């Protein structure tokens, strides 16, 4: 498939924003992304917005907010997508489908979420909408409770991996120090992350606070264009592959530590790209919880099932390792505004490929993988990116 290309982007600082709602967060990145791409609002043929919401905001109909943020976009068709924590990738893939179908040449993709406007307890309740509430509604600690049970099951099957989870957290916090957009730019070492304390209490099952990503506000935007348009612009990041593979929503109907849908998405994209994992130079992966990153090591094929801890122990996923994973700090350090996450991950990878990652920049990046998932590995998206201009 002749995939659309990323030709520009913008990214807000993640964290607690003083802006009242989504409109301001979107406005912060829309104009910047258009300027970065070198295109005008009049060139945009479609707008695709990723916002989870589900109670974070009383304002729905979020796609219409873009025309409020920038008057020149008021007449451009705009659509909102939602797919739990993979909402941003759903918006991006819909925009690419729009271009592939010949409906337009240039699309604006925005992922955004305002999460800190509600109490933490309410935020946890809202996020439970990403699980099968018929069976999983009463779990303690919100969505952290879901992953706490996954971690507990993994430990029962494979032994206590608390130290490895702490090492993943420490790696991502160290990487996040280099990221000016990150919510938490704080160096937390593995000893601190592996010690239960007043500052690092248990949250759910064996997961400690340092094993959990942050409740954040933020937005990110991408400009995607048909390849013939990309040829005329300053930069173009191409997709060697992009695939979505789903798994059943109810945890009771699958092996919760397998992440089979994630494995399927990786296999489909590597096959489409004609590559192996060894060909990739970096990966941005979905570490909503440290146990998720460990299981994703196994799903992508870095380790056999039950052996994911080896990847972090041997330094394979470190910034200077064989396959750097989350050089941006990941969700753990960068933050996890739900609707923005998938777009943000693609921005982080595109920056590396374009040589525009600043202090985060890795040497000799030619191929990058992105994995974004909705729910507990229910909606799984894998993109493989390369610079074409």
Protein backbone atom coordinates (compact mmCIF):
# COMPACT_ATOMS: atom_id res chain seq x y z
CA UNK A 1 0.00 0.00 0.00
CA UNK A 2 1.21 3.51 -0.83
CA UNK A 3 0.73 4.92 2.65
CA UNK A 4 0.31 8.59 3.48
CA UNK A 5 3.33 10.29 5.04
CA UNK A 6 3.90 12.39 8.13
CA UNK A 7 5.04 15.84 6.96
CA UNK A 8 4.77 17.90 10.16
CA UNK A 9 3.93 17.77 13.83
CA UNK A 10 3.54 19.60 17.11
CA UNK A 11 3.46 18.51 20.75
CA UNK A 12 2.37 20.28 23.92
CA UNK A 13 3.99 19.90 27.30
CA UNK A 14 2.25 17.03 29.08
CA UNK A 15 1.25 17.43 32.71
CA UNK A 16 -1.34 19.49 34.54
CA UNK A 17 -2.41 22.25 32.20
CA UNK A 18 -3.85 25.58 33.31
CA UNK A 19 -6.01 25.60 30.18
CA UNK A 20 -9.65 25.02 31.01
CA UNK A 21 -10.47 22.41 28.41
CA UNK A 22 -9.73 20.63 25.15
CA UNK A 23 -10.25 23.66 22.96
CA UNK A 24 -7.18 25.40 24.34
CA UNK A 25 -5.07 22.23 24.27
CA UNK A 26 -5.94 21.68 20.61
CA UNK A 27 -5.31 25.28 19.65
CA UNK A 28 -1.83 25.00 21.16
CA UNK A 29 -0.75 22.37 18.62
CA UNK A 30 -2.84 22.99 15.48
CA UNK A 31 -1.13 26.14 14.23
CA UNK A 32 2.31 24.86 15.25
CA UNK A 33 1.82 21.61 13.29
CA UNK A 34 0.68 23.45 10.16
CA UNK A 35 3.69 25.76 10.37
CA UNK A 36 6.07 22.86 10.93
CA UNK A 37 4.71 21.11 7.83
CA UNK A 38 4.79 24.30 5.76
CA UNK A 39 1.12 24.07 4.77
CA UNK A 40 -1.79 26.39 5.36
CA UNK A 41 -5.16 25.72 6.94
CA UNK A 42 -6.72 26.10 3.47
CA UNK A 43 -4.68 23.09 2.31
CA UNK A 44 -6.29 20.74 4.87
CA UNK A 45 -8.91 18.40 3.40
CA UNK A 46 -9.93 16.54 6.55
CA UNK A 47 -9.56 16.72 10.32
CA UNK A 48 -9.38 13.63 12.52
CA UNK A 49 -9.55 14.08 16.28
CA UNK A 50 -8.75 11.49 18.94
CA UNK A 51 -10.32 12.13 22.36
CA UNK A 52 -11.36 9.41 24.82
CA UNK A 53 -13.40 11.66 27.17
CA UNK A 54 -16.01 9.22 28.64
CA UNK A 55 -16.63 11.76 31.41
CA UNK A 56 -13.37 13.69 31.67
CA UNK A 57 -15.21 16.61 30.08
CA UNK A 58 -18.86 17.63 29.83
CA UNK A 59 -18.09 18.94 26.35
CA UNK A 60 -18.52 16.22 23.74
CA UNK A 61 -18.53 16.71 19.93
CA UNK A 62 -14.79 17.31 20.20
CA UNK A 63 -14.07 17.31 16.46
CA UNK A 64 -16.03 20.55 16.16
CA UNK A 65 -13.71 22.23 18.65
CA UNK A 66 -10.91 22.40 16.07
CA UNK A 67 -12.85 24.92 14.00
CA UNK A 68 -13.33 26.92 17.19
CA UNK A 69 -9.60 26.89 17.82
CA UNK A 70 -8.67 28.09 14.32
CA UNK A 71 -11.29 29.92 12.28
CA UNK A 72 -9.66 28.99 8.95
CA UNK A 73 -10.59 25.35 9.62
CA UNK A 74 -14.27 25.97 10.36
CA UNK A 75 -15.53 24.47 7.06
CA UNK A 76 -13.15 21.48 6.88
CA UNK A 77 -14.85 18.10 7.52
CA UNK A 78 -13.91 16.94 11.02
CA UNK A 79 -14.51 13.60 12.73
CA UNK A 80 -13.78 12.32 16.21
CA UNK A 81 -12.41 8.80 16.86
CA UNK A 82 -12.29 6.83 20.12
CA UNK A 83 -10.56 3.53 20.83
CA UNK A 84 -9.60 3.66 24.52
CA UNK A 85 -5.87 4.32 25.04
CA UNK A 86 -5.30 3.76 21.30
CA UNK A 87 -7.63 6.62 20.39
CA UNK A 88 -4.79 8.70 18.92
CA UNK A 89 -3.66 5.91 16.61
CA UNK A 90 -7.27 5.31 15.55
CA UNK A 91 -7.48 8.96 14.47
CA UNK A 92 -4.17 8.73 12.61
CA UNK A 93 -5.09 5.53 10.77
CA UNK A 94 -8.50 6.98 9.82
CA UNK A 95 -6.77 10.02 8.35
CA UNK A 96 -4.44 7.77 6.37
CA UNK A 97 -7.40 5.72 5.12
CA UNK A 98 -9.05 9.00 4.04
CA UNK A 99 -6.01 9.89 1.95
CA UNK A 100 -5.58 6.35 0.60
CA UNK A 101 -9.22 6.41 -0.53
CA UNK A 102 -8.55 9.56 -2.55
CA UNK A 103 -10.89 11.73 -0.49
CA UNK A 104 -8.14 14.28 0.17
CA UNK A 105 -4.42 14.99 -0.06
CA UNK A 106 -3.67 16.52 3.37
CA UNK A 107 -5.19 15.69 6.75
CA UNK A 108 -4.76 17.15 10.23
CA UNK A 109 -4.67 14.62 13.09
CA UNK A 110 -5.04 15.78 16.69
CA UNK A 111 -4.94 13.69 19.85
CA UNK A 112 -5.88 15.40 23.10
CA UNK A 113 -7.15 14.77 26.62
CA UNK A 114 -7.87 16.90 29.67
CA UNK A 115 -7.70 14.45 32.56
CA UNK A 116 -6.80 16.54 35.62
CA UNK A 117 -10.10 18.43 35.75
CA UNK A 118 -11.72 15.62 37.74
CA UNK A 119 -10.65 14.05 41.08
CA UNK A 120 -8.22 11.14 40.84
CA UNK A 121 -10.84 8.68 42.08
CA UNK A 122 -13.23 9.80 39.34
CA UNK A 123 -10.47 9.56 36.74
CA UNK A 124 -9.91 5.94 37.75
CA UNK A 125 -13.62 5.22 37.36
CA UNK A 126 -13.70 6.88 33.92
CA UNK A 127 -10.73 4.86 32.69
CA UNK A 128 -12.49 1.61 33.67
CA UNK A 129 -14.56 2.25 30.57
CA UNK A 130 -11.62 0.71 28.73
CA UNK A 131 -12.27 -2.70 30.26
CA UNK A 132 -15.18 -5.17 30.14
CA UNK A 133 -17.27 -3.65 32.90
CA UNK A 134 -19.74 -6.55 33.04
CA UNK A 135 -17.00 -8.66 34.64
CA UNK A 136 -14.26 -6.20 35.62
CA UNK A 137 -16.25 -3.25 37.00
CA UNK A 138 -15.51 -3.83 40.69
CA UNK A 139 -11.74 -4.08 40.50
CA UNK A 140 -9.96 -1.98 43.10
CA UNK A 141 -7.71 0.95 42.06
CA UNK A 142 -9.39 1.56 38.71
CA UNK A 143 -7.50 0.54 35.58
CA UNK A 144 -4.36 0.04 37.65
CA UNK A 145 -6.23 -2.83 39.28
CA UNK A 146 -6.61 -4.54 35.90
CA UNK A 147 -2.87 -4.42 35.27
CA UNK A 148 -2.19 -5.26 38.90
CA UNK A 149 -4.02 -8.55 38.35
CA UNK A 150 -2.10 -9.13 35.12
CA UNK A 151 1.19 -8.56 36.97
CA UNK A 152 0.11 -10.87 39.78
CA UNK A 153 -0.73 -13.62 37.29
CA UNK A 154 2.61 -13.14 35.52
CA UNK A 155 4.48 -13.39 38.84
CA UNK A 156 2.57 -16.54 39.78
CA UNK A 157 3.54 -18.13 36.46
CA UNK A 158 7.12 -16.87 36.13
CA UNK A 159 8.33 -15.72 39.56
CA UNK A 160 8.59 -12.29 41.14
CA UNK A 161 9.73 -9.71 38.56
CA UNK A 162 9.38 -6.63 40.76
CA UNK A 163 13.04 -5.75 40.24
CA UNK A 164 12.70 -5.89 36.46
CA UNK A 165 9.60 -3.67 36.57
CA UNK A 166 11.55 -1.19 38.70
CA UNK A 167 14.37 -1.24 36.14
CA UNK A 168 11.90 -0.46 33.35
CA UNK A 169 10.53 2.47 35.34
CA UNK A 170 14.04 3.77 36.07
CA UNK A 171 15.04 3.47 32.40
CA UNK A 172 12.05 5.46 31.25
CA UNK A 173 12.49 8.14 33.89
CA UNK A 174 16.14 8.50 32.91
CA UNK A 175 15.14 8.88 29.26
CA UNK A 176 12.42 11.35 30.19
CA UNK A 177 15.00 13.75 31.61
CA UNK A 178 15.92 14.51 28.00
CA UNK A 179 12.33 15.17 26.90
CA UNK A 180 11.13 18.78 27.29
CA UNK A 181 7.51 17.64 26.76
CA UNK A 182 7.54 15.06 29.57
CA UNK A 183 5.18 15.30 32.53
CA UNK A 184 7.73 14.01 35.04
CA UNK A 185 11.37 14.87 34.33
CA UNK A 186 12.76 13.26 37.45
CA UNK A 187 15.52 10.68 37.73
CA UNK A 188 14.17 7.80 39.83
CA UNK A 189 16.67 4.99 40.19
CA UNK A 190 15.83 1.30 40.23
CA UNK A 191 16.40 1.01 43.99
CA UNK A 192 13.82 3.70 44.72
CA UNK A 193 11.37 2.21 42.21
CA UNK A 194 11.81 -1.26 43.71
CA UNK A 195 11.22 -0.12 47.30
CA UNK A 196 7.74 0.20 48.74
CA UNK A 197 7.67 3.41 50.75
CA UNK A 198 5.48 6.34 51.69
CA UNK A 199 6.56 8.03 48.46
CA UNK A 200 6.21 4.82 46.45
CA UNK A 201 3.29 2.85 47.89
CA UNK A 202 1.68 -0.26 46.47
CA UNK A 203 -1.19 0.72 44.17
CA UNK A 204 -2.62 -2.57 42.90
CA UNK A 205 -1.29 -6.10 43.33
CA UNK A 206 2.51 -5.95 43.06
CA UNK A 207 2.44 -2.62 41.18
CA UNK A 208 3.84 0.40 42.98
CA UNK A 209 3.24 4.04 42.15
CA UNK A 210 6.42 4.05 40.05
CA UNK A 211 4.97 1.21 37.95
CA UNK A 212 2.03 3.37 36.85
CA UNK A 213 1.86 6.07 34.19
CA UNK A 214 0.64 9.53 35.09
CA UNK A 215 -2.75 11.19 34.78
CA UNK A 216 -1.95 14.01 32.38
CA UNK A 217 -3.33 16.76 30.20
CA UNK A 218 -1.88 17.31 26.75
CA UNK A 219 -2.22 17.35 23.00
CA UNK A 220 -0.20 16.35 19.95
CA UNK A 221 -0.82 16.90 16.25
CA UNK A 222 0.36 15.39 12.99
CA UNK A 223 0.00 16.57 9.41
CA UNK A 224 -0.25 13.62 7.04
CA UNK A 225 -0.17 13.92 3.28
CA UNK A 226 -0.28 11.86 0.11
CA UNK A 227 3.22 10.82 -1.05
CA UNK A 228 3.12 13.17 -4.04
CA UNK A 229 2.50 16.06 -1.64
CA UNK A 230 5.26 14.90 0.68
CA UNK A 231 7.72 15.15 -2.22
CA UNK A 232 7.13 18.92 -2.34
CA UNK A 233 7.58 19.61 1.37
CA UNK A 234 10.59 19.96 3.67
CA UNK A 235 10.33 16.54 5.32
CA UNK A 236 8.41 13.30 4.91
CA UNK A 237 8.28 10.32 7.26
CA UNK A 238 6.90 7.27 5.52
CA UNK A 239 5.10 4.18 6.80
CA UNK A 240 6.76 0.93 5.77
CA UNK A 241 3.79 -0.73 7.44
CA UNK A 242 0.81 -0.08 9.67
CA UNK A 243 -1.56 -2.67 11.09
CA UNK A 244 -4.26 -3.03 13.72
CA UNK A 245 -5.05 -6.38 15.35
CA UNK A 246 -7.71 -6.73 18.03
CA UNK A 247 -8.26 -9.23 20.81
CA UNK A 248 -11.38 -10.07 22.81
CA UNK A 249 -12.29 -7.46 25.42
CA UNK A 250 -13.08 -9.77 28.35
CA UNK A 251 -9.94 -10.89 30.19
CA UNK A 252 -11.77 -14.05 31.26
CA UNK A 253 -11.74 -15.25 27.65
CA UNK A 254 -7.98 -15.10 27.02
CA UNK A 255 -4.54 -15.63 28.51
CA UNK A 256 -3.98 -12.24 30.12
CA UNK A 257 -0.18 -12.45 30.05
CA UNK A 258 0.12 -13.34 26.36
CA UNK A 259 -0.84 -10.04 24.67
CA UNK A 260 -1.73 -12.11 21.60
CA UNK A 261 -3.24 -9.16 19.74
CA UNK A 262 -0.05 -7.16 20.23
CA UNK A 263 2.00 -10.08 18.94
CA UNK A 264 -0.27 -10.33 15.91
CA UNK A 265 0.05 -6.62 15.13
CA UNK A 266 3.84 -6.80 15.32
CA UNK A 267 3.95 -9.87 13.10
CA UNK A 268 1.63 -8.28 10.52
CA UNK A 269 3.63 -5.06 10.31
CA UNK A 270 7.03 -6.71 10.18
CA UNK A 271 5.75 -8.98 7.40
CA UNK A 272 4.27 -6.06 5.47
CA UNK A 273 7.52 -4.10 5.83
CA UNK A 274 9.67 -7.07 4.85
CA UNK A 275 11.72 -6.63 8.01
CA UNK A 276 12.71 -8.42 11.16
CA UNK A 277 12.89 -6.90 14.63
CA UNK A 278 16.68 -6.76 14.23
CA UNK A 279 16.25 -4.17 11.47
CA UNK A 280 14.63 -1.60 13.78
CA UNK A 281 16.70 1.12 15.41
CA UNK A 282 14.21 2.11 18.14
CA UNK A 283 10.67 1.54 19.39
CA UNK A 284 8.13 3.73 21.15
CA UNK A 285 5.91 1.31 23.06
CA UNK A 286 2.84 1.60 25.27
CA UNK A 287 4.10 1.42 28.86
CA UNK A 288 0.88 2.48 30.61
CA UNK A 289 2.23 0.23 33.38
CA UNK A 290 5.69 -1.29 33.62
CA UNK A 291 4.21 -4.79 33.37
CA UNK A 292 2.80 -3.76 29.98
CA UNK A 293 6.26 -2.88 28.65
CA UNK A 294 7.67 -6.17 29.93
CA UNK A 295 4.88 -8.15 28.24
CA UNK A 296 5.38 -6.11 25.06
CA UNK A 297 9.03 -7.21 24.96
CA UNK A 298 7.68 -10.73 24.65
CA UNK A 299 4.89 -9.82 22.22
CA UNK A 300 7.24 -8.06 19.80
CA UNK A 301 9.62 -11.02 19.88
CA UNK A 302 12.54 -9.68 21.92
CA UNK A 303 12.15 -12.58 24.35
CA UNK A 304 10.23 -15.81 24.75
CA UNK A 305 7.14 -15.80 26.95
CA UNK A 306 8.10 -15.56 30.59
CA UNK A 307 11.57 -14.22 29.71
CA UNK A 308 10.80 -10.51 29.20
CA UNK A 309 12.79 -9.56 32.28
CA UNK A 310 15.95 -10.60 30.47
CA UNK A 311 15.52 -7.71 28.02
CA UNK A 312 15.81 -5.03 30.69
CA UNK A 313 18.41 -6.93 32.76
CA UNK A 314 20.71 -7.28 29.75
CA UNK A 315 20.27 -3.65 28.73
CA UNK A 316 18.77 -4.52 25.35
CA UNK A 317 16.04 -1.85 25.68
CA UNK A 318 18.31 0.81 27.18
CA UNK A 319 19.05 4.06 25.35
CA UNK A 320 22.44 2.64 24.32
CA UNK A 321 21.16 -0.93 23.94
CA UNK A 322 20.57 -3.11 20.91
CA UNK A 323 16.99 -1.82 20.54
CA UNK A 324 16.30 1.38 22.50
CA UNK A 325 12.72 1.34 23.74
CA UNK A 326 10.96 4.53 24.78
CA UNK A 327 13.85 6.98 24.36
CA UNK A 328 11.23 9.69 24.95
CA UNK A 329 10.58 8.36 28.47
CA UNK A 330 7.44 6.55 27.36
CA UNK A 331 4.06 7.01 28.97
CA UNK A 332 5.72 6.42 32.33
CA UNK A 333 7.68 9.67 32.22
CA UNK A 334 6.12 11.58 29.29
CA UNK A 335 2.59 11.14 30.62
CA UNK A 336 -0.54 9.46 29.32
CA UNK A 337 -3.30 11.86 28.24
CA UNK A 338 -5.36 9.07 26.71
CA UNK A 339 -6.47 10.58 23.41
CA UNK A 340 -3.09 12.16 22.78
CA UNK A 341 -0.92 9.11 23.43
CA UNK A 342 -0.96 7.40 20.03
CA UNK A 343 -0.34 10.68 18.20
CA UNK A 344 2.41 11.58 20.67
CA UNK A 345 4.18 8.25 20.13
CA UNK A 346 4.23 8.81 16.37
CA UNK A 347 5.52 12.36 16.87
CA UNK A 348 8.34 11.06 19.09
CA UNK A 349 9.37 8.46 16.48
CA UNK A 350 9.10 10.96 13.60
CA UNK A 351 11.30 13.43 15.46
CA UNK A 352 14.00 10.78 15.81
CA UNK A 353 13.84 9.84 12.13
CA UNK A 354 13.99 13.48 11.04
CA UNK A 355 16.94 14.20 13.33
CA UNK A 356 14.81 16.76 15.19
CA UNK A 357 14.64 15.10 18.61
CA UNK A 358 17.02 17.49 20.38
CA UNK A 359 18.47 16.04 23.58
CA UNK A 360 16.49 12.83 22.99
CA UNK A 361 18.16 12.21 19.62
CA UNK A 362 19.65 8.77 19.06
CA UNK A 363 22.38 8.21 16.46
CA UNK A 364 21.71 6.63 13.07
CA UNK A 365 17.94 6.18 13.29
CA UNK A 366 16.53 4.93 9.99
CA UNK A 367 13.67 2.62 11.06
CA UNK A 368 11.38 3.08 14.06
CA UNK A 369 8.52 1.02 15.46
CA UNK A 370 5.50 2.37 17.32
CA UNK A 371 3.17 0.22 19.42
CA UNK A 372 -0.01 1.74 20.87
CA UNK A 373 -2.75 -0.29 22.52
CA UNK A 374 -6.28 0.32 23.71
CA UNK A 375 -7.32 -1.38 26.93
CA UNK A 376 -5.34 -4.39 28.11
CA UNK A 377 -3.95 -5.23 24.66
CA UNK A 378 -7.42 -5.21 23.06
CA UNK A 379 -6.91 -2.73 20.19
CA UNK A 380 -3.30 -3.06 19.03
CA UNK A 381 -1.61 -0.77 16.51
CA UNK A 382 1.91 -1.20 15.12
CA UNK A 383 3.50 1.29 12.73
CA UNK A 384 6.94 0.98 11.19
CA UNK A 385 8.29 4.35 10.12
CA UNK A 386 11.21 5.51 7.97
CA UNK A 387 12.41 8.84 6.68
CA UNK A 388 11.81 9.25 2.95
CA UNK A 389 12.75 12.94 2.73
